[in-house]
């Protein structure tokens, strides 16, 4: 029978790399989508003046 510490270490060994892999997948997907579909540049100079008042 495994102890709780052993189970926790095994789960951490699986969950931690999986978490980083998922984050990396979303990071790469976001970068590719930004390259494929760039957002249009909007100029809002008028709004900046209103915020200072």
PDB file of N, CA and C in Angstrom:
ATOM      1  N   UNK A   1       0.846  -1.184   0.000  1.00  0.00           N
ATOM      2  CA  UNK A   1       0.000   0.000   0.000  1.00  0.00           C
ATOM      3  C   UNK A   1       0.888   1.244   0.000  1.00  0.00           C
ATOM      4  N   UNK A   2       0.559   2.191  -0.886  1.00  0.00           N
ATOM      5  CA  UNK A   2       1.375   3.403  -1.002  1.00  0.00           C
ATOM      6  C   UNK A   2       0.989   4.426   0.066  1.00  0.00           C
ATOM      7  N   UNK A   3       1.969   5.187   0.495  1.00  0.00           N
ATOM      8  CA  UNK A   3       1.673   6.233   1.465  1.00  0.00           C
ATOM      9  C   UNK A   3       1.138   7.463   0.741  1.00  0.00           C
ATOM     10  N   UNK A   4       0.589   8.366   1.502  1.00  0.00           N
ATOM     11  CA  UNK A   4       0.016   9.586   0.924  1.00  0.00           C
ATOM     12  C   UNK A   4       1.100  10.436   0.268  1.00  0.00           C
ATOM     13  N   UNK A   5       2.288  10.436   0.849  1.00  0.00           N
ATOM     14  CA  UNK A   5       3.388  11.223   0.292  1.00  0.00           C
ATOM     15  C   UNK A   5       3.792  10.683  -1.079  1.00  0.00           C
ATOM     16  N   UNK A   6       3.870   9.375  -1.199  1.00  0.00           N
ATOM     17  CA  UNK A   6       4.237   8.758  -2.473  1.00  0.00           C
ATOM     18  C   UNK A   6       3.197   9.051  -3.541  1.00  0.00           C
ATOM     19  N   UNK A   7       1.929   8.969  -3.182  1.00  0.00           N
ATOM     20  CA  UNK A   7       0.857   9.279  -4.128  1.00  0.00           C
ATOM     21  C   UNK A   7       0.922  10.750  -4.555  1.00  0.00           C
ATOM     22  N   UNK A   8       1.191  11.634  -3.608  1.00  0.00           N
ATOM     23  CA  UNK A   8       1.275  13.059  -3.918  1.00  0.00           C
ATOM     24  C   UNK A   8       2.445  13.360  -4.844  1.00  0.00           C
ATOM     25  N   UNK A   9       3.575  12.706  -4.608  1.00  0.00           N
ATOM     26  CA  UNK A   9       4.748  12.928  -5.458  1.00  0.00           C
ATOM     27  C   UNK A   9       4.488  12.411  -6.869  1.00  0.00           C
ATOM     28  N   UNK A  10       3.848  11.254  -6.988  1.00  0.00           N
ATOM     29  CA  UNK A  10       3.515  10.720  -8.309  1.00  0.00           C
ATOM     30  C   UNK A  10       2.544  11.649  -9.047  1.00  0.00           C
ATOM     31  N   UNK A  11       1.539  12.128  -8.318  1.00  0.00           N
ATOM     32  CA  UNK A  11       0.567  13.026  -8.943  1.00  0.00           C
ATOM     33  C   UNK A  11       1.241  14.325  -9.377  1.00  0.00           C
ATOM     34  N   UNK A  12       2.154  14.843  -8.562  1.00  0.00           N
ATOM     35  CA  UNK A  12       2.874  16.061  -8.922  1.00  0.00           C
ATOM     36  C   UNK A  12       3.753  15.822 -10.151  1.00  0.00           C
ATOM     37  N   UNK A  13       4.349  14.652 -10.231  1.00  0.00           N
ATOM     38  CA  UNK A  13       5.195  14.325 -11.372  1.00  0.00           C
ATOM     39  C   UNK A  13       4.421  14.237 -12.673  1.00  0.00           C
ATOM     40  N   UNK A  14       3.146  13.934 -12.589  1.00  0.00           N
ATOM     41  CA  UNK A  14       2.303  13.870 -13.783  1.00  0.00           C
ATOM     42  C   UNK A  14       1.625  15.208 -14.039  1.00  0.00           C
ATOM     43  N   UNK A  15       1.076  15.816 -13.001  1.00  0.00           N
ATOM     44  CA  UNK A  15       0.275  17.027 -13.158  1.00  0.00           C
ATOM     45  C   UNK A  15       1.118  18.254 -13.527  1.00  0.00           C
ATOM     46  N   UNK A  16       2.276  18.398 -12.931  1.00  0.00           N
ATOM     47  CA  UNK A  16       3.085  19.592 -13.176  1.00  0.00           C
ATOM     48  C   UNK A  16       3.571  19.692 -14.625  1.00  0.00           C
ATOM     49  N   UNK A  17       4.161  18.639 -15.189  1.00  0.00           N
ATOM     50  CA  UNK A  17       4.544  18.731 -16.600  1.00  0.00           C
ATOM     51  C   UNK A  17       3.343  18.887 -17.533  1.00  0.00           C
ATOM     52  N   UNK A  18       2.230  18.246 -17.179  1.00  0.00           N
ATOM     53  CA  UNK A  18       1.021  18.379 -17.993  1.00  0.00           C
ATOM     54  C   UNK A  18       0.529  19.820 -17.986  1.00  0.00           C
ATOM     55  N   UNK A  19       0.555  20.455 -16.827  1.00  0.00           N
ATOM     56  CA  UNK A  19       0.124  21.845 -16.716  1.00  0.00           C
ATOM     57  C   UNK A  19       0.999  22.751 -17.589  1.00  0.00           C
ATOM     58  N   UNK A  20       2.302  22.564 -17.544  1.00  0.00           N
ATOM     59  CA  UNK A  20       3.189  23.386 -18.356  1.00  0.00           C
ATOM     60  C   UNK A  20       3.010  23.100 -19.844  1.00  0.00           C
ATOM     61  N   UNK A  21       2.714  21.866 -20.192  1.00  0.00           N
ATOM     62  CA  UNK A  21       2.462  21.531 -21.600  1.00  0.00           C
ATOM     63  C   UNK A  21       1.203  22.223 -22.110  1.00  0.00           C
ATOM     64  N   UNK A  22       0.160  22.234 -21.303  1.00  0.00           N
ATOM     65  CA  UNK A  22      -1.082  22.904 -21.699  1.00  0.00           C
ATOM     66  C   UNK A  22      -0.860  24.403 -21.837  1.00  0.00           C
ATOM     67  N   UNK A  23      -0.130  24.990 -20.905  1.00  0.00           N
ATOM     68  CA  UNK A  23       0.172  26.426 -20.997  1.00  0.00           C
ATOM     69  C   UNK A  23       0.969  26.714 -22.262  1.00  0.00           C
ATOM     70  N   UNK A  24       1.938  25.886 -22.580  1.00  0.00           N
ATOM     71  CA  UNK A  24       2.757  26.079 -23.782  1.00  0.00           C
ATOM     72  C   UNK A  24       1.914  25.954 -25.047  1.00  0.00           C
ATOM     73  N   UNK A  25       0.973  25.008 -25.066  1.00  0.00           N
ATOM     74  CA  UNK A  25       0.104  24.845 -26.228  1.00  0.00           C
ATOM     75  C   UNK A  25      -0.739  26.098 -26.445  1.00  0.00           C
ATOM     76  N   UNK A  26      -1.326  26.623 -25.379  1.00  0.00           N
ATOM     77  CA  UNK A  26      -2.137  27.835 -25.508  1.00  0.00           C
ATOM     78  C   UNK A  26      -1.282  29.044 -25.890  1.00  0.00           C
ATOM     79  N   UNK A  27      -0.058  29.117 -25.383  1.00  0.00           N
ATOM     80  CA  UNK A  27       0.850  30.216 -25.727  1.00  0.00           C
ATOM     81  C   UNK A  27       1.171  30.194 -27.221  1.00  0.00           C
ATOM     82  N   UNK A  28       1.530  29.021 -27.716  1.00  0.00           N
ATOM     83  CA  UNK A  28       1.865  28.886 -29.143  1.00  0.00           C
ATOM     84  C   UNK A  28       0.633  29.149 -30.010  1.00  0.00           C
ATOM     85  N   UNK A  29      -0.516  28.630 -29.598  1.00  0.00           N
ATOM     86  CA  UNK A  29      -1.741  28.847 -30.366  1.00  0.00           C
ATOM     87  C   UNK A  29      -2.094  30.328 -30.423  1.00  0.00           C
ATOM     88  N   UNK A  30      -1.905  31.037 -29.311  1.00  0.00           N
ATOM     89  CA  UNK A  30      -2.188  32.470 -29.286  1.00  0.00           C
ATOM     90  C   UNK A  30      -1.247  33.221 -30.218  1.00  0.00           C
ATOM     91  N   UNK A  31       0.040  32.877 -30.184  1.00  0.00           N
ATOM     92  CA  UNK A  31       1.006  33.527 -31.075  1.00  0.00           C
ATOM     93  C   UNK A  31       0.644  33.286 -32.541  1.00  0.00           C
ATOM     94  N   UNK A  32       0.277  32.044 -32.883  1.00  0.00           N
ATOM     95  CA  UNK A  32      -0.080  31.736 -34.268  1.00  0.00           C
ATOM     96  C   UNK A  32      -1.348  32.464 -34.701  1.00  0.00           C
ATOM     97  N   UNK A  33      -2.320  32.553 -33.811  1.00  0.00           N
ATOM     98  CA  UNK A  33      -3.549  33.270 -34.157  1.00  0.00           C
ATOM     99  C   UNK A  33      -3.300  34.763 -34.338  1.00  0.00           C
ATOM    100  N   UNK A  34      -2.420  35.337 -33.524  1.00  0.00           N
ATOM    101  CA  UNK A  34      -2.099  36.763 -33.682  1.00  0.00           C
ATOM    102  C   UNK A  34      -1.380  37.019 -35.004  1.00  0.00           C
ATOM    103  N   UNK A  35      -0.570  36.065 -35.440  1.00  0.00           N
ATOM    104  CA  UNK A  35       0.095  36.218 -36.743  1.00  0.00           C
ATOM    105  C   UNK A  35      -0.901  36.059 -37.881  1.00  0.00           C
ATOM    106  N   UNK A  36      -1.805  35.100 -37.752  1.00  0.00           N
ATOM    107  CA  UNK A  36      -2.759  34.814 -38.824  1.00  0.00           C
ATOM    108  C   UNK A  36      -3.855  35.871 -38.910  1.00  0.00           C
ATOM    109  N   UNK A  37      -4.298  36.380 -37.783  1.00  0.00           N
ATOM    110  CA  UNK A  37      -5.402  37.342 -37.742  1.00  0.00           C
ATOM    111  C   UNK A  37      -4.999  38.559 -36.915  1.00  0.00           C
ATOM    112  N   UNK A  38      -4.185  39.442 -37.471  1.00  0.00           N
ATOM    113  CA  UNK A  38      -3.755  40.605 -36.678  1.00  0.00           C
ATOM    114  C   UNK A  38      -4.928  41.551 -36.415  1.00  0.00           C
ATOM    115  N   UNK A  39      -4.936  42.127 -35.251  1.00  0.00           N
ATOM    116  CA  UNK A  39      -5.991  43.060 -34.869  1.00  0.00           C
ATOM    117  C   UNK A  39      -5.750  44.391 -35.565  1.00  0.00           C
ATOM    118  N   UNK A  40      -6.815  45.040 -36.040  1.00  0.00           N
ATOM    119  CA  UNK A  40      -6.639  46.349 -36.676  1.00  0.00           C
ATOM    120  C   UNK A  40      -6.219  47.399 -35.647  1.00  0.00           C
ATOM    121  N   UNK A  41      -5.375  48.298 -36.075  1.00  0.00           N
ATOM    122  CA  UNK A  41      -4.902  49.357 -35.189  1.00  0.00           C
ATOM    123  C   UNK A  41      -5.928  50.485 -35.206  1.00  0.00           C
ATOM    124  N   UNK A  42      -6.399  50.848 -34.013  1.00  0.00           N
ATOM    125  CA  UNK A  42      -7.373  51.929 -33.894  1.00  0.00           C
ATOM    126  C   UNK A  42      -6.703  53.118 -33.218  1.00  0.00           C
ATOM    127  N   UNK A  43      -6.964  54.304 -33.755  1.00  0.00           N
ATOM    128  CA  UNK A  43      -6.405  55.517 -33.163  1.00  0.00           C
ATOM    129  C   UNK A  43      -7.496  56.203 -32.357  1.00  0.00           C
ATOM    130  N   UNK A  44      -7.274  56.324 -31.050  1.00  0.00           N
ATOM    131  CA  UNK A  44      -8.242  56.958 -30.161  1.00  0.00           C
ATOM    132  C   UNK A  44      -7.596  58.147 -29.459  1.00  0.00           C
ATOM    133  N   UNK A  45      -7.136  59.129 -30.225  1.00  0.00           N
ATOM    134  CA  UNK A  45      -6.511  60.298 -29.625  1.00  0.00           C
ATOM    135  C   UNK A  45      -7.524  61.157 -28.881  1.00  0.00           C
ATOM    136  N   UNK A  46      -8.760  61.182 -29.343  1.00  0.00           N
ATOM    137  CA  UNK A  46      -9.780  62.010 -28.707  1.00  0.00           C
ATOM    138  C   UNK A  46     -10.125  61.512 -27.310  1.00  0.00           C
ATOM    139  N   UNK A  47     -10.126  60.208 -27.101  1.00  0.00           N
ATOM    140  CA  UNK A  47     -10.475  59.660 -25.800  1.00  0.00           C
ATOM    141  C   UNK A  47      -9.422  59.983 -24.752  1.00  0.00           C
ATOM    142  N   UNK A  48      -8.158  60.096 -25.155  1.00  0.00           N
ATOM    143  CA  UNK A  48      -7.091  60.393 -24.200  1.00  0.00           C
ATOM    144  C   UNK A  48      -7.250  61.787 -23.593  1.00  0.00           C
ATOM    145  N   UNK A  49      -7.711  62.726 -24.394  1.00  0.00           N
ATOM    146  CA  UNK A  49      -7.881  64.089 -23.889  1.00  0.00           C
ATOM    147  C   UNK A  49      -9.007  64.166 -22.878  1.00  0.00           C
ATOM    148  N   UNK A  50     -10.057  63.381 -23.055  1.00  0.00           N
ATOM    149  CA  UNK A  50     -11.188  63.414 -22.148  1.00  0.00           C
ATOM    150  C   UNK A  50     -10.844  62.819 -20.790  1.00  0.00           C
ATOM    151  N   UNK A  51      -9.905  61.878 -20.755  1.00  0.00           N
ATOM    152  CA  UNK A  51      -9.549  61.226 -19.508  1.00  0.00           C
ATOM    153  C   UNK A  51      -8.778  62.144 -18.564  1.00  0.00           C
ATOM    154  N   UNK A  52      -8.100  63.142 -19.100  1.00  0.00           N
ATOM    155  CA  UNK A  52      -7.273  64.008 -18.264  1.00  0.00           C
ATOM    156  C   UNK A  52      -8.102  65.012 -17.486  1.00  0.00           C
ATOM    157  N   UNK A  53      -9.301  65.286 -17.901  1.00  0.00           N
ATOM    158  CA  UNK A  53     -10.129  66.309 -17.231  1.00  0.00           C
ATOM    159  C   UNK A  53     -10.691  65.827 -15.925  1.00  0.00           C
TER     160      UNK A  53
END
